[in-house]
Amino acid sequence: MRSGVHLHPMNVTGRWWAIAGTGVALVALGAAAGRPILLLGAAGLGAWLLGTAAAASWSMRRLVDRLTVEYDLATATALVDASATTTLTVRRPPETAAAPLTVRVDTPPGVDGDEMTAPLALDPRTTEAATTASVSFPIAGRFEFPSPTVEVADSFGLYRTRVRLGSAPTVTVTPRTPDLHVGQGGETIHGAYGEHQADRPGPGVTTRELRQYVPGDDIQRIDWNATARLAETYIRETEGETDRQTVLVVDHRGPMSVGRDGERPLDYAREVGIGVTRAALDRGDPIGLWTVGGNGPTASVTSGSATRTYGRIETLLYGLTPTDGGGARDARSAARARALAERLDGDASRFARTLSAYVSDSDSYVTLLRDDPLVGTVERIRNRGGREELLVLVTSDDRPTELREAVKTAIRGGGRALVFLLPQCLFEPAGLTDLDAAYERYRTFERLRRELDQHPRVTVFELAPDTRLNTVLEHRRATREVSR
């Protein structure tokens, strides 16, 4: 018996029960009529059934050992709503072709294939048969087709058994690629999550590490450019290839659902998340995943470099949908709150006393920020991991104050962050009806991106619909030309 193949116990058929019933009737008649010849006939039938059972078991095992079942899918990757052809081929040697057999295939949940419900049958003396069927993929994900089920009968039609045999093809179904732009300030940057060497690191890439100066460090290693830019002394620590862990954090809260299906922020976030994952796979770098919903983390995958880790991350990303809950909070800045508190100091009016209770407690503000799902998730990751992890955040600019706090938390203790930021103004269905207003909102987004990008351990890319972004920028350039 070939290894890894489990042959189910034989089941008897209706014909077996008919013969066995005849034997029982002969025993009853022989005993009642005192006819030993009938008892001998019943014994002969019983012996024959036992003999056929032994012969059937041997022949079925021999057939399974020599049977070839090939089950193939025309492609290993496909787009949502696309179709593909499956091919099932069965071969057996002539000496095992005395009995009929059937082969049935099933489709995994999430794959449509009505044509595959009919089994492929081989009649006695037939040694080879093949069939094709079409399957379609209505949803994204990674799907594994079950191995074909072979049902074998003996030549007398008394016994049947089943066994799973043949390959189990897999297919990765991806959403149709959105009109994707990754860059900075409207300029496309290629390889944003691929391998490069730079002072501003990407995920799991060649990088030179910056950290704050501590007494005892060699002053020759001070990075004077970073020191001048940040008004604090920074040391350039190392240079070389790194296999640090990457932790991918993907936001799929309500604001990520704005726009038409296939053109929502979440569709773009998914595309980048899969790109980061495959870049890690290509280099063999460990990577983990956290997804953030309206009420906090919704799923996580522990960092690893096993093939199943990359596959599980992609499967989770393909199945990601926007969540409800955790609506927008009052994102007051601490500085504005303190300024307002100072203005109210000494004001004895009832209104001032009431308002002071809300703006004078900066600790409450900090607590409010840490209650934000994204901030809380990043803090949880940092508390569990170390500063060697690179956090890749994929989110929108919908909550800038909370975003600043999330990035601040991500780089705490020398950590690094790569942020893919989606401008909400380019995803709203009616966002381009007023191109001047859209450009002003994009400028606000760009100021936020540049602000976050100032830190030497933070790199921020814009993630946007390429056509819409170009429309806004081209309109601005045309307007400036006309005004000259």
Protein backbone atom coordinates (compact mmCIF):
# COMPACT_ATOMS: atom_id res chain seq x y z
CA MET A 1 0.00 0.00 0.00
CA ARG A 2 1.47 3.38 -1.00
CA SER A 3 2.50 5.57 1.94
CA GLY A 4 0.20 8.35 3.11
CA VAL A 5 -2.91 6.74 1.57
CA HIS A 6 -5.70 5.64 3.89
CA LEU A 7 -8.10 3.07 2.45
CA HIS A 8 -11.52 3.21 4.11
CA PRO A 9 -13.00 -0.07 5.41
CA MET A 10 -14.98 -1.98 2.77
CA ASN A 11 -18.73 -1.49 2.75
CA VAL A 12 -21.10 -4.18 1.52
CA THR A 13 -23.58 -3.45 -1.26
CA GLY A 14 -27.24 -4.37 -1.74
CA ARG A 15 -26.20 -7.39 -3.80
CA TRP A 16 -24.18 -8.72 -0.85
CA TRP A 17 -27.21 -8.39 1.42
CA ALA A 18 -29.36 -10.25 -1.11
CA ILE A 19 -26.92 -13.17 -1.22
CA ALA A 20 -26.50 -13.16 2.55
CA GLY A 21 -30.31 -13.14 2.91
CA THR A 22 -30.52 -16.16 0.63
CA GLY A 23 -28.08 -18.00 2.87
CA VAL A 24 -30.11 -17.17 5.97
CA ALA A 25 -33.27 -18.43 4.22
CA LEU A 26 -31.54 -21.69 3.31
CA VAL A 27 -30.50 -22.20 6.93
CA ALA A 28 -34.05 -21.59 8.12
CA LEU A 29 -35.59 -23.92 5.53
CA GLY A 30 -33.01 -26.63 6.13
CA ALA A 31 -33.56 -26.56 9.87
CA ALA A 32 -37.36 -26.54 9.52
CA ALA A 33 -37.56 -29.27 6.88
CA GLY A 34 -34.70 -31.37 8.15
CA ARG A 35 -32.93 -31.03 4.79
CA PRO A 36 -29.12 -31.06 5.36
CA ILE A 37 -28.57 -30.25 1.71
CA LEU A 38 -30.00 -26.75 2.29
CA LEU A 39 -27.67 -26.24 5.25
CA LEU A 40 -24.74 -27.27 3.07
CA GLY A 41 -25.88 -24.74 0.44
CA ALA A 42 -25.98 -21.97 3.06
CA ALA A 43 -22.49 -22.91 4.26
CA GLY A 44 -21.26 -22.80 0.68
CA LEU A 45 -22.67 -19.30 0.19
CA GLY A 46 -21.04 -18.12 3.42
CA ALA A 47 -17.67 -19.52 2.39
CA TRP A 48 -18.02 -17.90 -1.02
CA LEU A 49 -18.78 -14.50 0.54
CA LEU A 50 -15.72 -14.78 2.76
CA GLY A 51 -13.58 -15.72 -0.22
CA THR A 52 -14.85 -12.83 -2.32
CA ALA A 53 -14.23 -10.43 0.59
CA ALA A 54 -10.59 -11.52 0.81
CA ALA A 55 -10.19 -11.32 -2.96
CA ALA A 56 -11.87 -7.90 -3.10
CA SER A 57 -9.60 -6.52 -0.35
CA TRP A 58 -6.50 -7.72 -2.19
CA SER A 59 -7.63 -6.44 -5.60
CA MET A 60 -8.66 -3.04 -4.22
CA ARG A 61 -5.31 -2.53 -2.51
CA ARG A 62 -3.50 -3.54 -5.70
CA LEU A 63 -5.62 -1.11 -7.72
CA VAL A 64 -5.00 1.79 -5.35
CA ASP A 65 -1.27 1.08 -5.42
CA ARG A 66 -1.21 1.23 -9.23
CA LEU A 67 -3.87 3.88 -9.85
CA THR A 68 -2.75 7.28 -11.14
CA VAL A 69 -4.95 10.29 -10.38
CA GLU A 70 -3.87 13.70 -11.68
CA TYR A 71 -5.86 16.73 -10.59
CA ASP A 72 -4.60 20.05 -11.93
CA LEU A 73 -5.68 23.67 -11.94
CA ALA A 74 -4.65 25.74 -14.96
CA THR A 75 -3.28 28.56 -12.80
CA ALA A 76 -1.86 29.09 -9.33
CA THR A 77 -3.02 32.71 -9.20
CA ALA A 78 -6.20 34.40 -10.36
CA LEU A 79 -8.15 37.63 -10.04
CA VAL A 80 -11.52 37.97 -8.36
CA ASP A 81 -14.40 37.01 -10.70
CA ALA A 82 -11.99 35.24 -13.06
CA SER A 83 -12.37 31.60 -14.05
CA ALA A 84 -9.93 28.74 -14.52
CA THR A 85 -10.00 25.21 -15.90
CA THR A 86 -9.49 22.10 -13.81
CA THR A 87 -8.37 18.83 -15.38
CA LEU A 88 -8.91 15.41 -13.84
CA THR A 89 -7.12 12.42 -15.38
CA VAL A 90 -7.35 8.80 -14.13
CA ARG A 91 -5.20 5.89 -15.35
CA ARG A 92 -4.97 2.25 -14.29
CA PRO A 93 -3.13 -0.77 -15.73
CA PRO A 94 -5.19 -3.36 -17.67
CA GLU A 95 -4.75 -6.07 -15.02
CA THR A 96 -6.69 -3.91 -12.53
CA ALA A 97 -9.49 -2.92 -14.93
CA ALA A 98 -11.93 -5.73 -14.15
CA ALA A 99 -14.02 -3.64 -11.76
CA PRO A 100 -15.66 -0.21 -12.16
CA LEU A 101 -14.49 2.86 -10.27
CA THR A 102 -15.59 6.48 -9.96
CA VAL A 103 -13.64 9.61 -9.05
CA ARG A 104 -15.30 12.65 -7.51
CA VAL A 105 -13.83 16.10 -6.88
CA ASP A 106 -15.12 18.87 -4.63
CA THR A 107 -14.54 22.63 -4.57
CA PRO A 108 -13.48 24.45 -1.41
CA PRO A 109 -15.80 27.07 0.12
CA GLY A 110 -15.43 30.35 -1.76
CA VAL A 111 -14.97 28.70 -5.17
CA ASP A 112 -17.83 28.10 -7.60
CA GLY A 113 -17.77 24.98 -9.79
CA ASP A 114 -21.18 23.49 -10.59
CA GLU A 115 -19.74 21.42 -13.46
CA MET A 116 -17.63 19.43 -11.00
CA THR A 117 -20.57 17.74 -9.25
CA ALA A 118 -20.71 14.80 -11.72
CA PRO A 119 -18.14 12.07 -10.97
CA LEU A 120 -15.74 10.66 -13.54
CA ALA A 121 -16.59 6.97 -14.09
CA LEU A 122 -14.43 4.17 -15.47
CA ASP A 123 -16.35 1.11 -16.60
CA PRO A 124 -14.82 -2.39 -16.47
CA ARG A 125 -11.96 -2.79 -18.97
CA THR A 126 -11.58 1.00 -19.28
CA THR A 127 -8.03 1.96 -18.34
CA GLU A 128 -8.04 5.75 -18.78
CA ALA A 129 -10.46 8.68 -18.63
CA ALA A 130 -10.22 12.45 -18.32
CA THR A 131 -12.53 15.41 -17.86
CA THR A 132 -12.29 19.18 -17.54
CA ALA A 133 -14.44 21.69 -15.69
CA SER A 134 -14.51 25.42 -15.16
CA VAL A 135 -14.34 27.05 -11.73
CA SER A 136 -14.72 30.72 -10.81
CA PHE A 137 -13.50 32.78 -7.88
CA PRO A 138 -16.04 35.30 -6.52
CA ILE A 139 -13.92 36.29 -3.51
CA ALA A 140 -10.23 36.84 -2.78
CA GLY A 141 -8.19 34.43 -0.71
CA ARG A 142 -6.01 31.36 -0.81
CA PHE A 143 -7.93 28.17 -1.59
CA GLU A 144 -6.83 24.54 -1.41
CA PHE A 145 -8.85 22.02 -3.39
CA PRO A 146 -9.43 18.67 -1.66
CA SER A 147 -7.74 15.63 -3.20
CA PRO A 148 -10.08 13.60 -5.44
CA THR A 149 -12.14 10.85 -3.81
CA VAL A 150 -11.84 7.46 -5.56
CA GLU A 151 -14.62 4.91 -5.03
CA VAL A 152 -13.67 1.34 -5.97
CA ALA A 153 -15.92 -1.73 -6.34
CA ASP A 154 -15.03 -5.39 -6.76
CA SER A 155 -15.82 -7.27 -9.96
CA PHE A 156 -18.91 -8.95 -8.42
CA GLY A 157 -20.39 -5.68 -7.15
CA LEU A 158 -20.45 -6.91 -3.54
CA TYR A 159 -18.01 -4.50 -1.88
CA ARG A 160 -17.06 -0.84 -2.16
CA THR A 161 -14.42 1.35 -0.54
CA ARG A 162 -13.21 4.95 -0.81
CA VAL A 163 -9.80 6.60 -0.74
CA ARG A 164 -8.48 10.13 -1.29
CA LEU A 165 -5.82 10.07 -3.96
CA GLY A 166 -3.99 12.58 -6.11
CA SER A 167 -2.75 16.12 -5.76
CA ALA A 168 -4.51 18.96 -3.95
CA PRO A 169 -4.05 22.07 -6.12
CA THR A 170 -4.04 25.52 -4.54
CA VAL A 171 -4.85 28.93 -5.97
CA THR A 172 -4.33 32.43 -4.65
CA VAL A 173 -7.10 34.79 -5.72
CA THR A 174 -6.30 38.49 -5.56
CA PRO A 175 -8.55 41.53 -5.95
CA ARG A 176 -8.16 43.44 -9.17
CA THR A 177 -5.21 45.77 -8.72
CA PRO A 178 -6.31 49.30 -7.89
CA ASP A 179 -4.95 52.40 -9.60
CA LEU A 180 -2.05 52.53 -7.14
CA HIS A 181 0.35 55.38 -6.38
CA VAL A 182 3.01 55.10 -3.69
CA GLY A 183 5.25 58.10 -3.24
CA GLN A 184 5.94 61.39 -1.55
CA GLY A 185 4.62 64.81 -2.49
CA GLY A 186 2.96 63.48 -5.63
CA GLU A 187 6.16 61.85 -6.90
CA THR A 188 6.04 58.08 -7.38
CA ILE A 189 8.68 56.08 -5.52
CA HIS A 190 9.43 52.62 -6.86
CA GLY A 191 10.42 49.86 -4.47
CA ALA A 192 8.86 51.62 -1.48
CA TYR A 193 8.72 48.30 0.31
CA GLY A 194 11.50 46.57 -1.56
CA GLU A 195 15.20 46.27 -0.80
CA HIS A 196 17.26 49.46 -0.79
CA GLN A 197 20.06 51.13 1.09
CA ALA A 198 19.33 54.51 2.63
CA ASP A 199 19.41 56.54 5.79
CA ARG A 200 15.62 56.41 5.84
CA PRO A 201 14.87 52.69 6.15
CA GLY A 202 12.15 50.62 4.59
CA PRO A 203 11.02 47.24 5.91
CA GLY A 204 13.71 44.68 6.63
CA VAL A 205 16.21 46.36 4.33
CA THR A 206 19.81 47.48 4.34
CA THR A 207 19.91 50.46 6.67
CA ARG A 208 22.11 52.62 8.85
CA GLU A 209 20.69 52.94 12.35
CA LEU A 210 20.39 56.25 14.18
CA ARG A 211 20.08 56.52 17.94
CA GLN A 212 20.45 59.29 20.47
CA TYR A 213 23.91 60.01 21.85
CA VAL A 214 24.73 58.73 25.34
CA PRO A 215 27.86 59.56 27.39
CA GLY A 216 30.73 57.31 26.35
CA ASP A 217 29.85 57.14 22.65
CA ASP A 218 32.56 57.88 20.12
CA ILE A 219 32.00 61.48 18.99
CA GLN A 220 33.31 60.57 15.54
CA ARG A 221 30.11 58.60 15.00
CA ILE A 222 27.85 61.61 15.57
CA ASP A 223 25.55 62.26 12.61
CA TRP A 224 25.74 66.04 12.40
CA ASN A 225 23.01 66.34 9.76
CA ALA A 226 20.50 64.51 11.93
CA THR A 227 21.73 66.40 14.99
CA ALA A 228 21.18 69.76 13.31
CA ARG A 229 17.78 68.75 11.99
CA LEU A 230 16.49 67.41 15.32
CA ALA A 231 18.29 69.71 17.77
CA GLU A 232 19.49 66.60 19.62
CA THR A 233 22.69 64.60 19.26
CA TYR A 234 22.36 61.41 17.21
CA ILE A 235 24.81 58.53 16.65
CA ARG A 236 25.05 56.48 13.47
CA GLU A 237 25.33 53.01 14.90
CA THR A 238 25.64 50.31 12.25
CA GLU A 239 25.51 49.64 8.55
CA GLY A 240 24.74 46.39 6.78
CA GLU A 241 22.11 43.87 5.92
CA THR A 242 19.46 43.30 8.54
CA ASP A 243 17.02 40.48 9.18
CA ARG A 244 15.03 42.35 11.78
CA GLN A 245 11.45 41.43 12.24
CA THR A 246 8.78 43.43 10.47
CA VAL A 247 5.36 43.86 12.04
CA LEU A 248 2.63 44.95 9.64
CA VAL A 249 -0.27 46.93 11.14
CA VAL A 250 -3.26 47.40 8.83
CA ASP A 251 -6.14 49.69 9.76
CA HIS A 252 -9.57 48.51 8.55
CA ARG A 253 -11.85 50.81 10.54
CA GLY A 254 -14.87 52.57 9.09
CA PRO A 255 -13.02 55.40 7.27
CA MET A 256 -11.19 52.77 5.21
CA SER A 257 -14.50 51.86 3.52
CA VAL A 258 -15.08 55.22 1.80
CA GLY A 259 -15.64 55.03 -1.94
CA ARG A 260 -16.70 52.43 -4.47
CA ASP A 261 -16.01 48.73 -4.13
CA GLY A 262 -12.52 47.98 -5.41
CA GLU A 263 -11.48 51.63 -5.02
CA ARG A 264 -11.74 52.03 -1.25
CA PRO A 265 -8.78 52.91 0.99
CA LEU A 266 -8.90 49.36 2.32
CA ASP A 267 -8.36 47.97 -1.19
CA TYR A 268 -5.18 50.04 -1.48
CA ALA A 269 -4.09 49.16 2.05
CA ARG A 270 -4.54 45.47 1.26
CA GLU A 271 -2.43 45.79 -1.89
CA VAL A 272 0.45 47.41 -0.01
CA GLY A 273 0.16 44.96 2.87
CA ILE A 274 0.50 42.05 0.46
CA GLY A 275 3.42 43.80 -1.23
CA VAL A 276 5.23 44.16 2.10
CA THR A 277 4.52 40.51 2.91
CA ARG A 278 5.85 39.26 -0.42
CA ALA A 279 8.94 41.46 -0.12
CA ALA A 280 9.63 39.79 3.23
CA LEU A 281 8.99 36.37 1.66
CA ASP A 282 11.44 37.05 -1.18
CA ARG A 283 14.20 37.87 1.35
CA GLY A 284 13.20 35.24 3.89
CA ASP A 285 12.64 37.94 6.53
CA PRO A 286 10.32 37.27 9.48
CA ILE A 287 7.08 39.23 9.43
CA GLY A 288 3.98 39.44 11.61
CA LEU A 289 0.57 41.06 11.22
CA TRP A 290 -1.91 42.97 13.37
CA THR A 291 -5.21 44.23 11.99
CA VAL A 292 -7.02 47.11 13.70
CA GLY A 293 -10.80 47.51 13.80
CA GLY A 294 -13.10 50.02 15.42
CA ASN A 295 -12.75 48.45 18.86
CA GLY A 296 -9.10 47.40 18.76
CA PRO A 297 -7.10 44.50 17.30
CA THR A 298 -9.18 42.08 15.22
CA ALA A 299 -6.50 39.52 14.27
CA SER A 300 -2.79 38.89 14.64
CA VAL A 301 -0.14 36.58 13.24
CA THR A 302 3.04 36.00 15.26
CA SER A 303 6.20 37.04 13.42
CA GLY A 304 7.89 34.21 11.58
CA SER A 305 9.58 33.23 8.35
CA ALA A 306 7.82 29.91 7.74
CA THR A 307 5.91 29.59 4.47
CA ARG A 308 2.65 29.09 6.36
CA THR A 309 3.19 32.45 8.13
CA TYR A 310 3.32 34.39 4.85
CA GLY A 311 0.34 32.42 3.55
CA ARG A 312 -1.73 33.10 6.65
CA ILE A 313 -0.95 36.83 6.52
CA GLU A 314 -2.02 37.03 2.86
CA THR A 315 -5.20 35.08 3.60
CA LEU A 316 -6.13 37.47 6.43
CA LEU A 317 -5.42 40.50 4.26
CA TYR A 318 -7.53 39.17 1.39
CA GLY A 319 -10.44 38.59 3.76
CA LEU A 320 -10.22 41.98 5.48
CA THR A 321 -13.43 44.04 5.54
CA PRO A 322 -14.19 47.41 7.18
CA THR A 323 -15.44 47.29 10.76
CA ASP A 324 -17.99 49.33 12.63
CA GLY A 325 -17.65 50.73 16.12
CA GLY A 326 -15.03 52.94 17.71
CA GLY A 327 -16.28 56.13 16.09
CA ALA A 328 -14.21 59.28 15.78
CA ARG A 329 -13.11 60.80 19.04
CA ASP A 330 -12.52 64.40 20.05
CA ALA A 331 -8.89 64.75 19.02
CA ARG A 332 -7.96 67.95 20.88
CA SER A 333 -4.26 68.69 20.86
CA ALA A 334 -2.60 68.95 24.25
CA ALA A 335 -1.09 72.33 23.40
CA ARG A 336 -4.46 73.86 22.47
CA ALA A 337 -6.06 72.37 25.56
CA ARG A 338 -3.38 73.87 27.82
CA ALA A 339 -3.64 77.26 26.09
CA LEU A 340 -7.38 77.32 26.58
CA ALA A 341 -6.98 76.29 30.21
CA GLU A 342 -4.59 79.23 30.78
CA ARG A 343 -7.05 81.66 29.19
CA LEU A 344 -9.81 80.40 31.47
CA ASP A 345 -7.63 80.66 34.59
CA GLY A 346 -9.09 83.34 36.82
CA ASP A 347 -12.40 83.49 34.98
CA ALA A 348 -15.05 82.95 37.67
CA SER A 349 -18.00 82.58 35.31
CA ARG A 350 -20.06 79.42 35.39
CA PHE A 351 -19.22 78.69 31.74
CA ALA A 352 -15.47 78.98 32.43
CA ARG A 353 -15.67 76.65 35.43
CA THR A 354 -17.53 74.05 33.36
CA LEU A 355 -15.16 74.25 30.39
CA SER A 356 -12.04 74.16 32.58
CA ALA A 357 -12.96 70.69 33.78
CA TYR A 358 -12.57 69.41 30.23
CA VAL A 359 -9.36 71.15 29.15
CA SER A 360 -7.23 71.39 32.28
CA ASP A 361 -6.45 67.69 32.73
CA SER A 362 -3.72 66.72 30.26
CA ASP A 363 -3.59 63.20 31.71
CA SER A 364 -7.16 62.64 30.54
CA TYR A 365 -6.08 63.70 27.07
CA VAL A 366 -3.24 61.19 27.05
CA THR A 367 -5.60 58.47 28.27
CA LEU A 368 -8.02 59.42 25.49
CA LEU A 369 -5.29 58.97 22.89
CA ARG A 370 -4.21 55.62 24.28
CA ASP A 371 -7.80 54.44 24.08
CA ASP A 372 -7.63 54.92 20.30
CA PRO A 373 -7.58 51.46 18.64
CA LEU A 374 -4.52 52.19 16.48
CA VAL A 375 -2.50 53.79 19.29
CA GLY A 376 -3.46 51.01 21.68
CA THR A 377 -2.48 48.31 19.18
CA VAL A 378 0.91 49.89 18.45
CA GLU A 379 1.60 50.25 22.17
CA ARG A 380 0.67 46.60 22.68
CA ILE A 381 3.07 45.53 19.94
CA ARG A 382 5.90 47.64 21.34
CA ASN A 383 5.35 46.28 24.84
CA ARG A 384 5.52 42.71 23.54
CA GLY A 385 8.42 43.12 21.13
CA GLY A 386 11.67 45.01 21.10
CA ARG A 387 13.12 48.06 19.44
CA GLU A 388 14.60 45.86 16.71
CA GLU A 389 11.16 45.43 15.12
CA LEU A 390 10.15 47.63 12.23
CA LEU A 391 6.50 48.66 12.42
CA VAL A 392 4.79 49.17 9.06
CA LEU A 393 1.59 51.15 9.58
CA VAL A 394 -1.04 51.32 6.84
CA THR A 395 -3.78 53.79 7.74
CA SER A 396 -5.56 56.98 6.66
CA ASP A 397 -5.22 60.61 7.69
CA ASP A 398 -8.73 60.58 9.15
CA ARG A 399 -7.45 61.03 12.74
CA PRO A 400 -4.20 63.02 12.55
CA THR A 401 -3.76 63.50 16.31
CA GLU A 402 -4.12 59.80 17.04
CA LEU A 403 -1.84 59.05 14.09
CA ARG A 404 0.90 61.26 15.54
CA GLU A 405 0.61 59.44 18.85
CA ALA A 406 0.73 56.04 17.11
CA VAL A 407 3.93 56.97 15.25
CA LYS A 408 5.44 58.40 18.43
CA THR A 409 4.67 55.12 20.20
CA ALA A 410 6.07 53.08 17.30
CA ILE A 411 9.52 54.71 17.48
CA ARG A 412 9.71 54.70 21.26
CA GLY A 413 12.97 53.29 22.59
CA GLY A 414 14.77 53.48 19.25
CA GLY A 415 12.15 51.70 17.16
CA ARG A 416 11.53 52.42 13.50
CA ALA A 417 8.33 53.03 11.59
CA LEU A 418 7.33 52.94 7.94
CA VAL A 419 3.94 54.55 7.33
CA PHE A 420 1.73 54.23 4.26
CA LEU A 421 -0.77 57.05 4.63
CA LEU A 422 -3.99 57.33 2.62
CA PRO A 423 -5.46 60.83 1.98
CA GLN A 424 -9.21 60.66 2.59
CA CYS A 425 -9.80 63.58 0.23
CA LEU A 426 -8.85 61.41 -2.77
CA PHE A 427 -11.23 58.57 -1.95
CA GLU A 428 -14.53 60.32 -1.29
CA PRO A 429 -16.97 59.69 -4.17
CA ALA A 430 -17.63 63.40 -4.62
CA GLY A 431 -14.12 64.44 -3.63
CA LEU A 432 -13.10 65.81 -7.04
CA THR A 433 -16.19 67.86 -7.85
CA ASP A 434 -14.31 70.91 -6.55
CA LEU A 435 -10.68 70.48 -7.59
CA ASP A 436 -9.52 73.62 -5.79
CA ALA A 437 -10.96 72.37 -2.50
CA ALA A 438 -9.52 68.92 -3.14
CA TYR A 439 -6.07 70.42 -3.65
CA GLU A 440 -6.28 72.38 -0.40
CA ARG A 441 -7.22 69.22 1.46
CA TYR A 442 -4.35 67.41 -0.22
CA ARG A 443 -1.99 70.18 0.92
CA THR A 444 -3.20 69.64 4.48
CA PHE A 445 -2.51 65.93 4.07
CA GLU A 446 0.96 66.62 2.65
CA ARG A 447 1.84 68.87 5.60
CA LEU A 448 0.90 66.03 7.95
CA ARG A 449 2.95 63.55 5.93
CA ARG A 450 6.01 65.83 5.93
CA GLU A 451 5.64 66.47 9.64
CA LEU A 452 5.68 62.76 10.43
CA ASP A 453 8.48 62.15 7.93
CA GLN A 454 10.83 64.58 9.69
CA HIS A 455 12.05 62.05 12.24
CA PRO A 456 15.10 60.04 11.05
CA ARG A 457 13.51 56.75 12.13
CA VAL A 458 10.20 57.40 10.38
CA THR A 459 9.47 57.16 6.66
CA VAL A 460 6.03 58.16 5.41
CA PHE A 461 4.69 57.43 1.94
CA GLU A 462 1.42 58.59 0.49
CA LEU A 463 -0.82 55.82 -0.80
CA ALA A 464 -3.45 57.09 -3.22
CA PRO A 465 -5.39 56.50 -6.46
CA ASP A 466 -2.89 57.49 -9.14
CA THR A 467 -5.43 58.94 -11.57
CA ARG A 468 -7.19 61.05 -8.95
CA LEU A 469 -3.94 62.38 -7.52
CA ASN A 470 -2.69 63.33 -10.98
CA THR A 471 -6.01 65.04 -11.74
CA VAL A 472 -5.69 67.22 -8.64
CA LEU A 473 -2.03 68.06 -9.25
CA GLU A 474 -2.51 68.74 -12.97
CA HIS A 475 -5.42 71.06 -12.18
CA ARG A 476 -3.22 72.96 -9.75
CA ARG A 477 -0.42 73.28 -12.30
CA ALA A 478 -2.86 74.45 -14.98
CA THR A 479 -4.37 77.01 -12.60
CA ARG A 480 -0.95 78.41 -11.78
CA GLU A 481 -0.07 78.67 -15.48
CA VAL A 482 -3.26 80.61 -16.20
CA SER A 483 -2.70 82.99 -13.29
CA ARG A 484 0.78 83.97 -14.47
